[in-house]
PDB file of N, CA and C in Angstrom:
ATOM      1  N   UNK A   1      25.354 -75.495 -14.341  1.00  0.00           N
ATOM      2  CA  UNK A   1      24.960 -74.819 -13.117  1.00  0.00           C
ATOM      3  C   UNK A   1      25.941 -75.207 -12.007  1.00  0.00           C
ATOM      4  N   UNK A   2      26.354 -74.254 -11.220  1.00  0.00           N
ATOM      5  CA  UNK A   2      27.284 -74.535 -10.125  1.00  0.00           C
ATOM      6  C   UNK A   2      26.523 -74.608  -8.815  1.00  0.00           C
ATOM      7  N   UNK A   3      27.014 -75.461  -7.943  1.00  0.00           N
ATOM      8  CA  UNK A   3      26.376 -75.568  -6.633  1.00  0.00           C
ATOM      9  C   UNK A   3      26.866 -74.440  -5.742  1.00  0.00           C
ATOM     10  N   UNK A   4      26.167 -74.243  -4.659  1.00  0.00           N
ATOM     11  CA  UNK A   4      26.506 -73.162  -3.741  1.00  0.00           C
ATOM     12  C   UNK A   4      27.875 -73.384  -3.091  1.00  0.00           C
ATOM     13  N   UNK A   5      28.266 -74.629  -2.908  1.00  0.00           N
ATOM     14  CA  UNK A   5      29.544 -74.915  -2.276  1.00  0.00           C
ATOM     15  C   UNK A   5      30.719 -74.610  -3.204  1.00  0.00           C
ATOM     16  N   UNK A   6      30.472 -74.487  -4.513  1.00  0.00           N
ATOM     17  CA  UNK A   6      31.540 -74.207  -5.465  1.00  0.00           C
ATOM     18  C   UNK A   6      31.767 -72.714  -5.675  1.00  0.00           C
ATOM     19  N   UNK A   7      30.855 -71.900  -5.227  1.00  0.00           N
ATOM     20  CA  UNK A   7      31.025 -70.462  -5.430  1.00  0.00           C
ATOM     21  C   UNK A   7      32.062 -69.920  -4.455  1.00  0.00           C
ATOM     22  N   UNK A   8      32.928 -69.034  -4.929  1.00  0.00           N
ATOM     23  CA  UNK A   8      33.955 -68.484  -4.036  1.00  0.00           C
ATOM     24  C   UNK A   8      33.351 -67.568  -2.988  1.00  0.00           C
ATOM     25  N   UNK A   9      33.921 -67.622  -1.814  1.00  0.00           N
ATOM     26  CA  UNK A   9      33.436 -66.795  -0.714  1.00  0.00           C
ATOM     27  C   UNK A   9      34.265 -65.519  -0.631  1.00  0.00           C
ATOM     28  N   UNK A  10      33.612 -64.392  -0.616  1.00  0.00           N
ATOM     29  CA  UNK A  10      34.303 -63.104  -0.512  1.00  0.00           C
ATOM     30  C   UNK A  10      34.233 -62.538   0.894  1.00  0.00           C
ATOM     31  N   UNK A  11      33.682 -63.309   1.825  1.00  0.00           N
ATOM     32  CA  UNK A  11      33.560 -62.828   3.201  1.00  0.00           C
ATOM     33  C   UNK A  11      34.914 -62.793   3.884  1.00  0.00           C
ATOM     34  N   UNK A  12      35.147 -61.759   4.626  1.00  0.00           N
ATOM     35  CA  UNK A  12      36.369 -61.642   5.417  1.00  0.00           C
ATOM     36  C   UNK A  12      36.103 -62.252   6.791  1.00  0.00           C
ATOM     37  N   UNK A  13      37.114 -62.902   7.343  1.00  0.00           N
ATOM     38  CA  UNK A  13      36.985 -63.483   8.671  1.00  0.00           C
ATOM     39  C   UNK A  13      36.922 -62.366   9.712  1.00  0.00           C
ATOM     40  N   UNK A  14      35.946 -62.435  10.594  1.00  0.00           N
ATOM     41  CA  UNK A  14      35.818 -61.408  11.622  1.00  0.00           C
ATOM     42  C   UNK A  14      36.209 -61.939  12.995  1.00  0.00           C
ATOM     43  N   UNK A  15      36.726 -63.175  13.030  1.00  0.00           N
ATOM     44  CA  UNK A  15      37.142 -63.763  14.294  1.00  0.00           C
ATOM     45  C   UNK A  15      38.417 -63.071  14.771  1.00  0.00           C
ATOM     46  N   UNK A  16      38.478 -62.611  16.013  1.00  0.00           N
ATOM     47  CA  UNK A  16      39.646 -61.858  16.508  1.00  0.00           C
ATOM     48  C   UNK A  16      40.825 -62.758  16.854  1.00  0.00           C
ATOM     49  N   UNK A  17      41.541 -63.237  15.846  1.00  0.00           N
ATOM     50  CA  UNK A  17      42.664 -64.142  16.075  1.00  0.00           C
ATOM     51  C   UNK A  17      43.758 -63.481  16.882  1.00  0.00           C
ATOM     52  N   UNK A  18      43.916 -62.164  16.772  1.00  0.00           N
ATOM     53  CA  UNK A  18      44.975 -61.500  17.534  1.00  0.00           C
ATOM     54  C   UNK A  18      44.758 -61.683  19.032  1.00  0.00           C
ATOM     55  N   UNK A  19      43.518 -61.662  19.475  1.00  0.00           N
ATOM     56  CA  UNK A  19      43.224 -61.849  20.900  1.00  0.00           C
ATOM     57  C   UNK A  19      43.527 -63.287  21.316  1.00  0.00           C
ATOM     58  N   UNK A  20      43.179 -64.246  20.464  1.00  0.00           N
ATOM     59  CA  UNK A  20      43.437 -65.654  20.766  1.00  0.00           C
ATOM     60  C   UNK A  20      44.933 -65.907  20.904  1.00  0.00           C
ATOM     61  N   UNK A  21      45.723 -65.397  19.960  1.00  0.00           N
ATOM     62  CA  UNK A  21      47.173 -65.577  20.011  1.00  0.00           C
ATOM     63  C   UNK A  21      47.768 -64.878  21.236  1.00  0.00           C
ATOM     64  N   UNK A  22      47.281 -63.682  21.542  1.00  0.00           N
ATOM     65  CA  UNK A  22      47.813 -62.936  22.681  1.00  0.00           C
ATOM     66  C   UNK A  22      47.524 -63.658  23.994  1.00  0.00           C
ATOM     67  N   UNK A  23      46.304 -64.135  24.161  1.00  0.00           N
ATOM     68  CA  UNK A  23      45.940 -64.866  25.383  1.00  0.00           C
ATOM     69  C   UNK A  23      46.769 -66.142  25.501  1.00  0.00           C
ATOM     70  N   UNK A  24      46.962 -66.831  24.393  1.00  0.00           N
ATOM     71  CA  UNK A  24      47.790 -68.034  24.408  1.00  0.00           C
ATOM     72  C   UNK A  24      49.225 -67.729  24.814  1.00  0.00           C
ATOM     73  N   UNK A  25      49.772 -66.633  24.307  1.00  0.00           N
ATOM     74  CA  UNK A  25      51.136 -66.255  24.661  1.00  0.00           C
ATOM     75  C   UNK A  25      51.243 -65.884  26.136  1.00  0.00           C
ATOM     76  N   UNK A  26      50.233 -65.223  26.667  1.00  0.00           N
ATOM     77  CA  UNK A  26      50.231 -64.872  28.093  1.00  0.00           C
ATOM     78  C   UNK A  26      50.187 -66.144  28.947  1.00  0.00           C
ATOM     79  N   UNK A  27      49.360 -67.096  28.532  1.00  0.00           N
ATOM     80  CA  UNK A  27      49.266 -68.360  29.274  1.00  0.00           C
ATOM     81  C   UNK A  27      50.606 -69.088  29.240  1.00  0.00           C
ATOM     82  N   UNK A  28      51.240 -69.142  28.077  1.00  0.00           N
ATOM     83  CA  UNK A  28      52.548 -69.804  27.979  1.00  0.00           C
ATOM     84  C   UNK A  28      53.596 -69.097  28.834  1.00  0.00           C
ATOM     85  N   UNK A  29      53.554 -67.780  28.883  1.00  0.00           N
ATOM     86  CA  UNK A  29      54.513 -67.037  29.697  1.00  0.00           C
ATOM     87  C   UNK A  29      54.305 -67.339  31.180  1.00  0.00           C
ATOM     88  N   UNK A  30      53.057 -67.333  31.626  1.00  0.00           N
ATOM     89  CA  UNK A  30      52.769 -67.639  33.031  1.00  0.00           C
ATOM     90  C   UNK A  30      53.146 -69.085  33.359  1.00  0.00           C
ATOM     91  N   UNK A  31      52.842 -69.995  32.449  1.00  0.00           N
ATOM     92  CA  UNK A  31      53.171 -71.399  32.652  1.00  0.00           C
ATOM     93  C   UNK A  31      54.683 -71.601  32.721  1.00  0.00           C
ATOM     94  N   UNK A  32      55.425 -70.862  31.875  1.00  0.00           N
ATOM     95  CA  UNK A  32      56.887 -70.957  31.898  1.00  0.00           C
ATOM     96  C   UNK A  32      57.438 -70.481  33.236  1.00  0.00           C
ATOM     97  N   UNK A  33      56.903 -69.392  33.757  1.00  0.00           N
ATOM     98  CA  UNK A  33      57.355 -68.903  35.056  1.00  0.00           C
ATOM     99  C   UNK A  33      57.095 -69.900  36.159  1.00  0.00           C
ATOM    100  N   UNK A  34      55.933 -70.518  36.119  1.00  0.00           N
ATOM    101  CA  UNK A  34      55.592 -71.521  37.137  1.00  0.00           C
ATOM    102  C   UNK A  34      56.505 -72.740  37.019  1.00  0.00           C
ATOM    103  N   UNK A  35      56.766 -73.180  35.778  1.00  0.00           N
ATOM    104  CA  UNK A  35      57.616 -74.352  35.587  1.00  0.00           C
ATOM    105  C   UNK A  35      59.078 -74.070  35.933  1.00  0.00           C
ATOM    106  N   UNK A  36      59.549 -72.837  35.699  1.00  0.00           N
ATOM    107  CA  UNK A  36      60.906 -72.493  36.118  1.00  0.00           C
ATOM    108  C   UNK A  36      61.034 -72.563  37.633  1.00  0.00           C
ATOM    109  N   UNK A  37      59.985 -72.155  38.322  1.00  0.00           N
ATOM    110  CA  UNK A  37      60.005 -72.225  39.783  1.00  0.00           C
ATOM    111  C   UNK A  37      60.061 -73.685  40.247  1.00  0.00           C
ATOM    112  N   UNK A  38      59.488 -74.583  39.460  1.00  0.00           N
ATOM    113  CA  UNK A  38      59.503 -76.011  39.788  1.00  0.00           C
ATOM    114  C   UNK A  38      60.733 -76.711  39.222  1.00  0.00           C
ATOM    115  N   UNK A  39      61.603 -75.986  38.540  1.00  0.00           N
ATOM    116  CA  UNK A  39      62.814 -76.540  37.900  1.00  0.00           C
ATOM    117  C   UNK A  39      62.489 -77.632  36.886  1.00  0.00           C
ATOM    118  N   UNK A  40      61.483 -77.376  36.068  1.00  0.00           N
ATOM    119  CA  UNK A  40      61.069 -78.341  35.055  1.00  0.00           C
ATOM    120  C   UNK A  40      61.709 -78.007  33.704  1.00  0.00           C
ATOM    121  N   UNK A  41      62.177 -79.013  32.972  1.00  0.00           N
ATOM    122  CA  UNK A  41      62.733 -78.759  31.636  1.00  0.00           C
ATOM    123  C   UNK A  41      61.671 -78.293  30.640  1.00  0.00           C
ATOM    124  N   UNK A  42      60.412 -78.578  30.924  1.00  0.00           N
ATOM    125  CA  UNK A  42      59.336 -78.129  30.046  1.00  0.00           C
ATOM    126  C   UNK A  42      59.242 -76.605  30.020  1.00  0.00           C
ATOM    127  N   UNK A  43      59.790 -75.946  31.011  1.00  0.00           N
ATOM    128  CA  UNK A  43      59.775 -74.482  31.049  1.00  0.00           C
ATOM    129  C   UNK A  43      60.470 -73.896  29.832  1.00  0.00           C
ATOM    130  N   UNK A  44      61.510 -74.550  29.334  1.00  0.00           N
ATOM    131  CA  UNK A  44      62.223 -74.043  28.154  1.00  0.00           C
ATOM    132  C   UNK A  44      61.337 -74.071  26.915  1.00  0.00           C
ATOM    133  N   UNK A  45      60.497 -75.082  26.786  1.00  0.00           N
ATOM    134  CA  UNK A  45      59.571 -75.158  25.658  1.00  0.00           C
ATOM    135  C   UNK A  45      58.589 -73.990  25.725  1.00  0.00           C
ATOM    136  N   UNK A  46      58.084 -73.722  26.917  1.00  0.00           N
ATOM    137  CA  UNK A  46      57.120 -72.627  27.087  1.00  0.00           C
ATOM    138  C   UNK A  46      57.765 -71.265  26.849  1.00  0.00           C
ATOM    139  N   UNK A  47      58.987 -71.095  27.343  1.00  0.00           N
ATOM    140  CA  UNK A  47      59.638 -69.788  27.215  1.00  0.00           C
ATOM    141  C   UNK A  47      60.025 -69.508  25.764  1.00  0.00           C
ATOM    142  N   UNK A  48      60.244 -70.555  24.988  1.00  0.00           N
ATOM    143  CA  UNK A  48      60.521 -70.368  23.554  1.00  0.00           C
ATOM    144  C   UNK A  48      59.219 -70.156  22.774  1.00  0.00           C
ATOM    145  N   UNK A  49      58.151 -70.810  23.187  1.00  0.00           N
ATOM    146  CA  UNK A  49      56.871 -70.713  22.486  1.00  0.00           C
ATOM    147  C   UNK A  49      56.151 -69.395  22.748  1.00  0.00           C
ATOM    148  N   UNK A  50      56.324 -68.814  23.905  1.00  0.00           N
ATOM    149  CA  UNK A  50      55.602 -67.592  24.257  1.00  0.00           C
ATOM    150  C   UNK A  50      55.893 -66.438  23.295  1.00  0.00           C
ATOM    151  N   UNK A  51      57.149 -66.134  22.959  1.00  0.00           N
ATOM    152  CA  UNK A  51      57.384 -65.041  22.011  1.00  0.00           C
ATOM    153  C   UNK A  51      56.783 -65.306  20.630  1.00  0.00           C
ATOM    154  N   UNK A  52      56.711 -66.576  20.241  1.00  0.00           N
ATOM    155  CA  UNK A  52      56.069 -66.892  18.970  1.00  0.00           C
ATOM    156  C   UNK A  52      54.588 -66.511  18.997  1.00  0.00           C
ATOM    157  N   UNK A  53      53.942 -66.747  20.132  1.00  0.00           N
ATOM    158  CA  UNK A  53      52.539 -66.355  20.270  1.00  0.00           C
ATOM    159  C   UNK A  53      52.363 -64.851  20.167  1.00  0.00           C
ATOM    160  N   UNK A  54      53.265 -64.095  20.800  1.00  0.00           N
ATOM    161  CA  UNK A  54      53.190 -62.629  20.701  1.00  0.00           C
ATOM    162  C   UNK A  54      53.448 -62.169  19.268  1.00  0.00           C
ATOM    163  N   UNK A  55      54.374 -62.833  18.582  1.00  0.00           N
ATOM    164  CA  UNK A  55      54.667 -62.483  17.185  1.00  0.00           C
ATOM    165  C   UNK A  55      53.439 -62.722  16.303  1.00  0.00           C
ATOM    166  N   UNK A  56      52.795 -63.881  16.462  1.00  0.00           N
ATOM    167  CA  UNK A  56      51.605 -64.176  15.666  1.00  0.00           C
ATOM    168  C   UNK A  56      50.439 -63.254  16.037  1.00  0.00           C
ATOM    169  N   UNK A  57      50.347 -62.870  17.305  1.00  0.00           N
ATOM    170  CA  UNK A  57      49.303 -61.923  17.715  1.00  0.00           C
ATOM    171  C   UNK A  57      49.516 -60.583  17.032  1.00  0.00           C
ATOM    172  N   UNK A  58      50.753 -60.135  16.972  1.00  0.00           N
ATOM    173  CA  UNK A  58      51.071 -58.865  16.317  1.00  0.00           C
ATOM    174  C   UNK A  58      50.736 -58.939  14.825  1.00  0.00           C
ATOM    175  N   UNK A  59      51.106 -60.052  14.172  1.00  0.00           N
ATOM    176  CA  UNK A  59      50.804 -60.222  12.754  1.00  0.00           C
ATOM    177  C   UNK A  59      49.308 -60.269  12.487  1.00  0.00           C
ATOM    178  N   UNK A  60      48.574 -60.961  13.325  1.00  0.00           N
ATOM    179  CA  UNK A  60      47.118 -61.043  13.160  1.00  0.00           C
ATOM    180  C   UNK A  60      46.471 -59.686  13.406  1.00  0.00           C
ATOM    181  N   UNK A  61      46.992 -58.933  14.384  1.00  0.00           N
ATOM    182  CA  UNK A  61      46.457 -57.606  14.653  1.00  0.00           C
ATOM    183  C   UNK A  61      46.685 -56.683  13.460  1.00  0.00           C
ATOM    184  N   UNK A  62      47.880 -56.757  12.864  1.00  0.00           N
ATOM    185  CA  UNK A  62      48.165 -55.946  11.670  1.00  0.00           C
ATOM    186  C   UNK A  62      47.236 -56.309  10.531  1.00  0.00           C
ATOM    187  N   UNK A  63      47.000 -57.613  10.339  1.00  0.00           N
ATOM    188  CA  UNK A  63      46.118 -58.068   9.265  1.00  0.00           C
ATOM    189  C   UNK A  63      44.684 -57.592   9.507  1.00  0.00           C
ATOM    190  N   UNK A  64      44.206 -57.688  10.753  1.00  0.00           N
ATOM    191  CA  UNK A  64      42.851 -57.232  11.074  1.00  0.00           C
ATOM    192  C   UNK A  64      42.723 -55.726  10.872  1.00  0.00           C
ATOM    193  N   UNK A  65      43.759 -54.998  11.251  1.00  0.00           N
ATOM    194  CA  UNK A  65      43.745 -53.548  11.082  1.00  0.00           C
ATOM    195  C   UNK A  65      43.714 -53.190   9.590  1.00  0.00           C
ATOM    196  N   UNK A  66      44.491 -53.924   8.783  1.00  0.00           N
ATOM    197  CA  UNK A  66      44.524 -53.680   7.349  1.00  0.00           C
ATOM    198  C   UNK A  66      43.172 -54.019   6.713  1.00  0.00           C
ATOM    199  N   UNK A  67      42.549 -55.112   7.156  1.00  0.00           N
ATOM    200  CA  UNK A  67      41.252 -55.507   6.594  1.00  0.00           C
ATOM    201  C   UNK A  67      40.169 -54.494   6.939  1.00  0.00           C
ATOM    202  N   UNK A  68      40.219 -53.919   8.142  1.00  0.00           N
ATOM    203  CA  UNK A  68      39.216 -52.918   8.520  1.00  0.00           C
ATOM    204  C   UNK A  68      39.416 -51.638   7.725  1.00  0.00           C
ATOM    205  N   UNK A  69      40.656 -51.270   7.504  1.00  0.00           N
ATOM    206  CA  UNK A  69      40.949 -50.041   6.770  1.00  0.00           C
ATOM    207  C   UNK A  69      40.617 -50.161   5.294  1.00  0.00           C
ATOM    208  N   UNK A  70      40.786 -51.347   4.731  1.00  0.00           N
ATOM    209  CA  UNK A  70      40.547 -51.561   3.311  1.00  0.00           C
ATOM    210  C   UNK A  70      39.094 -51.851   2.966  1.00  0.00           C
ATOM    211  N   UNK A  71      38.279 -52.152   3.969  1.00  0.00           N
ATOM    212  CA  UNK A  71      36.882 -52.537   3.698  1.00  0.00           C
ATOM    213  C   UNK A  71      35.982 -51.391   3.531  1.00  0.00           C
TER     214      UNK A  71
END
């Protein structure tokens, strides 16, 4: 007999990761602009990280769209 924790889960994640990634990228972009105004070297970290957030948001949005279409 198998326990309930050993059974595979077929549930699809319904958490909107694309929104989380997009909001994070917007925050990093705004933070980078503020830090550039302050002449902080940390601004470069933010300006490099922001496009990565938009890229992951786009990928998550595509995955969510594919999961809705296939379900």
